[in-house]
Amino acid sequence: MTISVYIPLLVTVVLAMLAPRAARRPAPRPAAWSLACAALVTATGWLGSLALLAFTGFAQIPEVAEEGHWSVAALRTQDPVSLAVAALSALTLTAGLVSLGVAAVRQGRHVLWARRECHRVPGDTELVVLDDEVPQAFALPGAPGRIVVSRGMLRCLGDAEREALLAHERAHLRSRHHLFQAVWRLTAAVNPLLRPLAEAGGFVLERWADEEAAAHVGSRTVVARAVGRAALASAGAGRPAALAATGGEVPQRVQALLAPPPARRALPFVAGALLLTLCCASLANAASDSESLVDSAERAQCAADAGASGAGHPAPRPDACCDHRGGDGDG
């Protein structure tokens, strides 16, 4: 366990460094799914490793060992996790869980805001045109979602570019990109090292919607012009509060649209899958080792209590001995 419990932490660091850059090259749709899976698995592995380190360290405290009826000496011999490491792990785990709770509340408020805005905008159609000269266009996820575009934005675009803009926003709603954003925000709250995955994920979602729009209108150049003009027109309008065609790194998006469609690359996904498998396997192995250590420490304490009882000390509690969990045997 001494080694395996640290592997999920190491995998998290490696993916946080390599995944954001690697996700920009392949097709955006599988890249978004891969980033979401990587964030979920590594965040779970991060929390699991911290919990195991905290437990095996605090389990060596005599008062805790007395309550659990296991031997401190046996634990220290087989898995010497220092109290400093345990305390640091416990603090990090607590901070991550508190941050997760705060982020979950914020995400819930954001969802409620989006649904409330969907009901507040006039009309009952998917497309809502605001009588506003400020150029803006964004998608509001809901049941169903709405596409909001201002007249100022429509005046900045030609007919084909308007169609591309609407196809982009429709792709956000159809593919439920707000759920991907929620995953990245929550996992980044658990572990700040995963923030680069969230930032890369936002760019990949915009690229995903760009590719969907290009397939719909049949021209990558038209979509590139629509993205560029929309971004220039809304440059002074501030950052949108929802999924928008003007989000992400616009120059890189335009450059990708003016290039051929991204080729399918298997190597980044295979490498990522192997790392995630290693993370899961190591965490499972560490958890199994931790259970075995506790069982061994309980047996050691049972033997010590039995020896003390034979020397005239009070007999140990029957439920404290591991032998009673599996039966007493025949002899």
Protein backbone atom coordinates (compact mmCIF):
# COMPACT_ATOMS: atom_id res chain seq x y z
CA MET A 1 0.00 0.00 0.00
CA THR A 2 2.89 2.35 0.71
CA ILE A 3 3.46 2.75 -3.04
CA SER A 4 0.04 2.06 -4.56
CA VAL A 5 -1.75 4.66 -2.47
CA TYR A 6 0.38 7.43 -3.99
CA ILE A 7 -0.11 6.35 -7.63
CA PRO A 8 -3.54 8.03 -8.06
CA LEU A 9 -1.99 11.27 -6.82
CA LEU A 10 0.83 10.93 -9.34
CA VAL A 11 -1.59 10.08 -12.18
CA THR A 12 -3.58 13.21 -11.34
CA VAL A 13 -0.48 15.38 -11.66
CA VAL A 14 0.55 13.76 -14.95
CA LEU A 15 -2.89 14.15 -16.53
CA ALA A 16 -3.20 17.73 -15.30
CA MET A 17 0.06 18.53 -17.10
CA LEU A 18 -0.43 16.57 -20.33
CA ALA A 19 -4.17 16.22 -20.97
CA PRO A 20 -5.02 19.90 -21.68
CA ARG A 21 -2.53 20.17 -24.53
CA ALA A 22 -3.22 16.69 -25.88
CA ALA A 23 -7.00 17.33 -25.95
CA ARG A 24 -6.68 20.21 -28.42
CA ARG A 25 -5.38 18.07 -31.29
CA PRO A 26 -7.87 15.22 -31.82
CA ALA A 27 -11.55 15.53 -32.76
CA PRO A 28 -13.27 17.68 -30.11
CA ARG A 29 -16.21 15.38 -29.37
CA PRO A 30 -14.17 12.38 -28.14
CA ALA A 31 -11.71 14.80 -26.55
CA ALA A 32 -14.50 16.32 -24.43
CA TRP A 33 -15.67 12.89 -23.28
CA SER A 34 -12.09 11.89 -22.48
CA LEU A 35 -11.48 15.03 -20.42
CA ALA A 36 -14.70 14.49 -18.50
CA CYS A 37 -13.81 10.85 -17.73
CA ALA A 38 -10.27 11.84 -16.75
CA ALA A 39 -11.56 14.53 -14.40
CA LEU A 40 -14.04 12.19 -12.70
CA VAL A 41 -11.64 9.28 -12.29
CA THR A 42 -8.68 11.34 -11.08
CA ALA A 43 -10.82 13.35 -8.66
CA THR A 44 -12.18 10.10 -7.19
CA GLY A 45 -8.69 8.62 -7.00
CA TRP A 46 -7.39 11.81 -5.37
CA LEU A 47 -10.05 11.71 -2.64
CA GLY A 48 -9.65 7.97 -2.13
CA SER A 49 -5.88 8.17 -1.71
CA LEU A 50 -6.15 11.05 0.73
CA ALA A 51 -8.77 9.17 2.75
CA LEU A 52 -6.61 6.04 2.95
CA LEU A 53 -3.53 8.01 3.98
CA ALA A 54 -5.49 9.86 6.64
CA PHE A 55 -7.03 6.65 7.99
CA THR A 56 -3.84 4.60 8.17
CA GLY A 57 -2.10 7.46 9.92
CA PHE A 58 -4.78 8.25 12.48
CA ALA A 59 -5.37 4.53 13.07
CA GLN A 60 -1.97 4.50 14.81
CA ILE A 61 -3.19 6.88 17.53
CA PRO A 62 -3.55 4.74 20.69
CA GLU A 63 -7.02 6.07 21.54
CA VAL A 64 -8.27 5.32 18.01
CA ALA A 65 -6.67 1.87 18.06
CA GLU A 66 -8.32 1.11 21.39
CA GLU A 67 -11.73 1.92 19.96
CA GLY A 68 -11.02 -0.18 16.87
CA HIS A 69 -9.44 -3.03 18.85
CA TRP A 70 -6.29 -3.31 16.76
CA SER A 71 -2.58 -3.22 17.50
CA VAL A 72 -0.75 0.07 16.97
CA ALA A 73 2.60 -1.71 16.86
CA ALA A 74 1.39 -4.03 14.09
CA LEU A 75 0.16 -1.11 11.99
CA ARG A 76 3.38 0.84 12.42
CA THR A 77 5.44 -2.18 11.46
CA GLN A 78 3.51 -3.02 8.30
CA ASP A 79 2.55 0.44 7.02
CA PRO A 80 4.48 3.27 8.68
CA VAL A 81 2.45 6.33 7.60
CA SER A 82 3.56 9.25 9.72
CA LEU A 83 1.08 11.39 11.57
CA ALA A 84 2.36 14.42 9.63
CA VAL A 85 1.41 12.80 6.32
CA ALA A 86 -1.92 11.71 7.77
CA ALA A 87 -2.68 15.19 9.10
CA LEU A 88 -1.77 16.83 5.79
CA SER A 89 -3.92 14.31 3.91
CA ALA A 90 -6.84 14.88 6.26
CA LEU A 91 -6.61 18.66 5.88
CA THR A 92 -6.39 18.41 2.10
CA LEU A 93 -9.31 15.97 2.02
CA THR A 94 -11.43 18.24 4.22
CA ALA A 95 -10.61 21.29 2.13
CA GLY A 96 -11.50 19.43 -1.06
CA LEU A 97 -14.84 18.23 0.29
CA VAL A 98 -15.76 21.69 1.58
CA SER A 99 -14.79 23.24 -1.74
CA LEU A 100 -16.87 20.59 -3.53
CA GLY A 101 -19.89 21.48 -1.42
CA VAL A 102 -19.52 25.18 -2.16
CA ALA A 103 -19.06 24.51 -5.89
CA ALA A 104 -22.12 22.22 -5.92
CA VAL A 105 -24.24 24.97 -4.38
CA ARG A 106 -22.98 27.47 -6.95
CA GLN A 107 -23.63 25.03 -9.77
CA GLY A 108 -27.14 24.43 -8.50
CA ARG A 109 -27.78 28.17 -8.40
CA HIS A 110 -26.45 28.51 -11.95
CA VAL A 111 -28.82 25.78 -13.17
CA LEU A 112 -31.75 27.48 -11.44
CA TRP A 113 -30.74 30.81 -12.95
CA ALA A 114 -30.59 29.30 -16.45
CA ARG A 115 -34.01 27.68 -16.07
CA ARG A 116 -35.48 30.89 -14.68
CA GLU A 117 -34.06 32.88 -17.58
CA CYS A 118 -35.50 30.33 -20.03
CA HIS A 119 -38.97 31.05 -18.65
CA ARG A 120 -38.43 34.81 -18.45
CA VAL A 121 -37.45 35.37 -22.08
CA PRO A 122 -40.51 36.08 -24.25
CA GLY A 123 -42.12 33.52 -26.52
CA ASP A 124 -42.12 29.73 -26.43
CA THR A 125 -39.86 28.98 -29.40
CA GLU A 126 -36.27 27.75 -29.26
CA LEU A 127 -34.92 31.00 -30.74
CA VAL A 128 -35.37 34.24 -28.84
CA VAL A 129 -34.38 37.54 -30.47
CA LEU A 130 -33.73 40.34 -28.00
CA ASP A 131 -34.49 43.92 -29.04
CA ASP A 132 -31.02 45.01 -27.96
CA GLU A 133 -28.27 46.71 -29.95
CA VAL A 134 -25.55 45.11 -27.80
CA PRO A 135 -24.21 42.13 -29.80
CA GLN A 136 -24.71 38.94 -27.85
CA ALA A 137 -25.63 35.33 -28.52
CA PHE A 138 -25.71 32.41 -26.10
CA ALA A 139 -27.51 29.18 -25.23
CA LEU A 140 -29.52 28.74 -22.04
CA PRO A 141 -29.75 25.08 -20.97
CA GLY A 142 -33.14 24.11 -19.68
CA ALA A 143 -36.12 21.88 -20.36
CA PRO A 144 -36.12 22.74 -23.20
CA GLY A 145 -33.18 25.07 -23.71
CA ARG A 146 -33.34 28.42 -25.48
CA ILE A 147 -31.04 30.21 -27.93
CA VAL A 148 -30.84 33.93 -27.23
CA VAL A 149 -29.56 36.33 -29.90
CA SER A 150 -29.75 40.11 -29.92
CA ARG A 151 -30.68 42.21 -32.96
CA GLY A 152 -27.30 43.88 -32.66
CA MET A 153 -25.60 40.52 -33.21
CA LEU A 154 -27.82 39.60 -36.15
CA ARG A 155 -26.96 42.89 -37.88
CA CYS A 156 -23.27 42.04 -37.69
CA LEU A 157 -23.65 38.77 -39.61
CA GLY A 158 -24.74 37.71 -43.06
CA ASP A 159 -27.45 35.15 -43.70
CA ALA A 160 -25.07 32.17 -43.90
CA GLU A 161 -23.16 33.35 -40.83
CA ARG A 162 -26.40 33.69 -38.86
CA GLU A 163 -27.26 30.10 -39.73
CA ALA A 164 -23.79 29.02 -38.59
CA LEU A 165 -24.18 30.94 -35.32
CA LEU A 166 -27.53 29.32 -34.57
CA ALA A 167 -26.18 25.88 -35.48
CA HIS A 168 -23.31 26.44 -33.05
CA GLU A 169 -25.61 27.36 -30.17
CA ARG A 170 -28.00 24.52 -31.05
CA ALA A 171 -25.09 22.08 -30.81
CA HIS A 172 -24.42 23.27 -27.26
CA LEU A 173 -27.99 22.46 -26.27
CA ARG A 174 -28.32 19.21 -28.20
CA SER A 175 -25.09 17.73 -26.78
CA ARG A 176 -25.80 19.03 -23.23
CA HIS A 177 -22.48 20.77 -22.94
CA HIS A 178 -23.53 22.36 -19.66
CA LEU A 179 -23.23 18.93 -18.01
CA PHE A 180 -19.62 18.65 -19.13
CA GLN A 181 -18.96 22.10 -17.67
CA ALA A 182 -20.54 21.04 -14.38
CA VAL A 183 -18.26 17.97 -14.17
CA TRP A 184 -15.13 20.04 -14.75
CA ARG A 185 -16.14 22.75 -12.29
CA LEU A 186 -16.91 20.26 -9.53
CA THR A 187 -13.76 18.18 -10.02
CA ALA A 188 -11.63 21.32 -10.16
CA ALA A 189 -13.19 22.34 -6.85
CA VAL A 190 -12.17 18.99 -5.35
CA ASN A 191 -8.62 19.29 -6.66
CA PRO A 192 -7.23 22.61 -7.95
CA LEU A 193 -4.68 20.65 -10.01
CA LEU A 194 -7.57 19.73 -12.33
CA ARG A 195 -8.31 23.34 -13.28
CA PRO A 196 -6.26 23.04 -16.51
CA LEU A 197 -8.62 20.23 -17.55
CA ALA A 198 -11.60 22.52 -16.97
CA GLU A 199 -10.03 25.32 -19.01
CA ALA A 200 -9.14 22.96 -21.85
CA GLY A 201 -12.63 21.47 -21.63
CA GLY A 202 -14.25 24.86 -22.26
CA PHE A 203 -12.20 25.29 -25.42
CA VAL A 204 -12.97 21.74 -26.59
CA LEU A 205 -16.72 22.31 -26.14
CA GLU A 206 -16.57 25.40 -28.35
CA ARG A 207 -14.60 23.45 -30.94
CA TRP A 208 -17.18 20.65 -30.74
CA ALA A 209 -19.99 23.13 -31.45
CA ASP A 210 -17.90 24.70 -34.25
CA GLU A 211 -17.49 21.33 -35.97
CA GLU A 212 -21.21 20.59 -35.61
CA ALA A 213 -22.04 23.96 -37.15
CA ALA A 214 -19.59 23.39 -40.01
CA ALA A 215 -21.20 20.04 -40.77
CA HIS A 216 -24.64 21.68 -40.71
CA VAL A 217 -23.92 24.61 -43.04
CA GLY A 218 -21.44 22.66 -45.17
CA SER A 219 -18.67 25.26 -44.99
CA ARG A 220 -15.90 25.59 -42.43
CA THR A 221 -15.02 29.04 -43.78
CA VAL A 222 -18.50 30.38 -43.12
CA VAL A 223 -18.36 29.18 -39.53
CA ALA A 224 -14.90 30.70 -39.09
CA ARG A 225 -16.20 34.06 -40.33
CA ALA A 226 -19.23 33.84 -38.07
CA VAL A 227 -17.12 33.05 -35.00
CA GLY A 228 -14.64 35.83 -35.79
CA ARG A 229 -17.23 38.52 -36.50
CA ALA A 230 -19.35 37.57 -33.52
CA ALA A 231 -16.33 37.74 -31.22
CA LEU A 232 -15.26 41.13 -32.58
CA ALA A 233 -18.78 42.53 -32.31
CA SER A 234 -19.24 41.38 -28.70
CA ALA A 235 -15.71 42.26 -27.54
CA GLY A 236 -16.97 45.11 -25.37
CA ALA A 237 -20.09 43.35 -24.10
CA GLY A 238 -18.31 41.41 -21.34
CA ARG A 239 -17.98 37.71 -20.77
CA PRO A 240 -21.21 35.73 -21.38
CA ALA A 241 -22.77 33.93 -18.43
CA ALA A 242 -23.75 30.89 -20.50
CA LEU A 243 -22.55 28.82 -23.45
CA ALA A 244 -21.76 31.24 -26.27
CA ALA A 245 -20.24 31.18 -29.73
CA THR A 246 -17.90 33.98 -28.66
CA GLY A 247 -16.40 31.93 -25.83
CA GLY A 248 -13.04 30.18 -25.70
CA GLU A 249 -9.89 31.13 -27.53
CA VAL A 250 -11.36 32.60 -30.71
CA PRO A 251 -8.15 32.91 -32.79
CA GLN A 252 -7.32 29.24 -32.21
CA ARG A 253 -10.90 28.25 -33.05
CA VAL A 254 -10.84 30.22 -36.29
CA GLN A 255 -7.47 28.74 -37.19
CA ALA A 256 -8.81 25.22 -36.61
CA LEU A 257 -11.87 25.92 -38.77
CA LEU A 258 -9.73 27.21 -41.64
CA ALA A 259 -7.72 23.96 -41.50
CA PRO A 260 -8.99 20.54 -42.59
CA PRO A 261 -11.21 18.63 -40.12
CA PRO A 262 -9.19 17.11 -37.25
CA ALA A 263 -8.06 13.57 -37.85
CA ARG A 264 -9.00 10.81 -35.45
CA ARG A 265 -6.07 10.04 -33.16
CA ALA A 266 -6.08 6.88 -31.11
CA LEU A 267 -2.78 7.27 -29.24
CA PRO A 268 -3.82 10.08 -26.81
CA PHE A 269 -6.99 8.21 -25.85
CA VAL A 270 -5.20 4.89 -25.39
CA ALA A 271 -2.52 6.53 -23.24
CA GLY A 272 -5.14 8.32 -21.17
CA ALA A 273 -7.17 5.12 -20.73
CA LEU A 274 -4.08 3.28 -19.51
CA LEU A 275 -3.34 6.00 -16.96
CA LEU A 276 -6.91 5.98 -15.69
CA THR A 277 -6.87 2.19 -15.46
CA LEU A 278 -3.63 2.40 -13.47
CA CYS A 279 -5.27 4.96 -11.17
CA CYS A 280 -8.29 2.74 -10.50
CA ALA A 281 -6.26 -0.43 -10.06
CA SER A 282 -3.84 1.25 -7.65
CA LEU A 283 -6.63 2.70 -5.56
CA ALA A 284 -8.38 -0.68 -5.38
CA ASN A 285 -5.11 -2.36 -4.41
CA ALA A 286 -4.42 0.25 -1.73
CA ALA A 287 -7.92 -0.17 -0.29
CA SER A 288 -7.51 -3.95 -0.22
CA ASP A 289 -4.12 -3.65 1.47
CA SER A 290 -5.56 -1.25 4.02
CA GLU A 291 -8.29 -3.73 4.91
CA SER A 292 -5.73 -6.52 5.22
CA LEU A 293 -3.56 -4.36 7.47
CA VAL A 294 -6.46 -3.67 9.80
CA ASP A 295 -7.38 -7.35 9.91
CA SER A 296 -3.78 -8.26 10.71
CA ALA A 297 -3.59 -5.60 13.41
CA GLU A 298 -6.83 -6.89 14.95
CA ARG A 299 -5.44 -10.43 15.04
CA ALA A 300 -2.26 -9.15 16.66
CA GLN A 301 -4.28 -7.34 19.29
CA CYS A 302 -6.34 -10.47 19.85
CA ALA A 303 -3.21 -12.50 20.46
CA ALA A 304 -1.84 -9.88 22.83
CA ASP A 305 -5.10 -9.74 24.77
CA ALA A 306 -5.21 -13.54 24.97
CA GLY A 307 -1.68 -13.60 26.33
CA ALA A 308 -2.53 -10.93 28.88
CA SER A 309 -5.61 -12.92 29.93
CA GLY A 310 -3.48 -16.02 30.49
CA ALA A 311 -1.19 -13.98 32.72
CA GLY A 312 -4.04 -13.06 35.03
CA HIS A 313 -5.34 -9.95 33.33
CA PRO A 314 -9.03 -9.55 32.38
CA ALA A 315 -10.08 -11.51 29.30
CA PRO A 316 -10.55 -9.58 26.06
CA ARG A 317 -14.01 -8.77 24.77
CA PRO A 318 -15.29 -11.61 22.55
CA ASP A 319 -16.26 -9.21 19.73
CA ALA A 320 -12.74 -7.73 19.68
CA CYS A 321 -11.13 -10.93 18.38
CA CYS A 322 -11.03 -11.50 14.68
CA ASP A 323 -11.49 -15.27 15.21
CA HIS A 324 -15.09 -14.67 16.30
CA ARG A 325 -15.94 -13.03 12.95
CA GLY A 326 -15.33 -16.22 11.07
CA GLY A 327 -16.36 -18.77 13.71
CA ASP A 328 -14.44 -20.54 16.48
CA GLY A 329 -13.50 -23.70 14.63
CA ASP A 330 -13.86 -27.31 15.81
CA GLY A 331 -10.80 -27.84 17.98
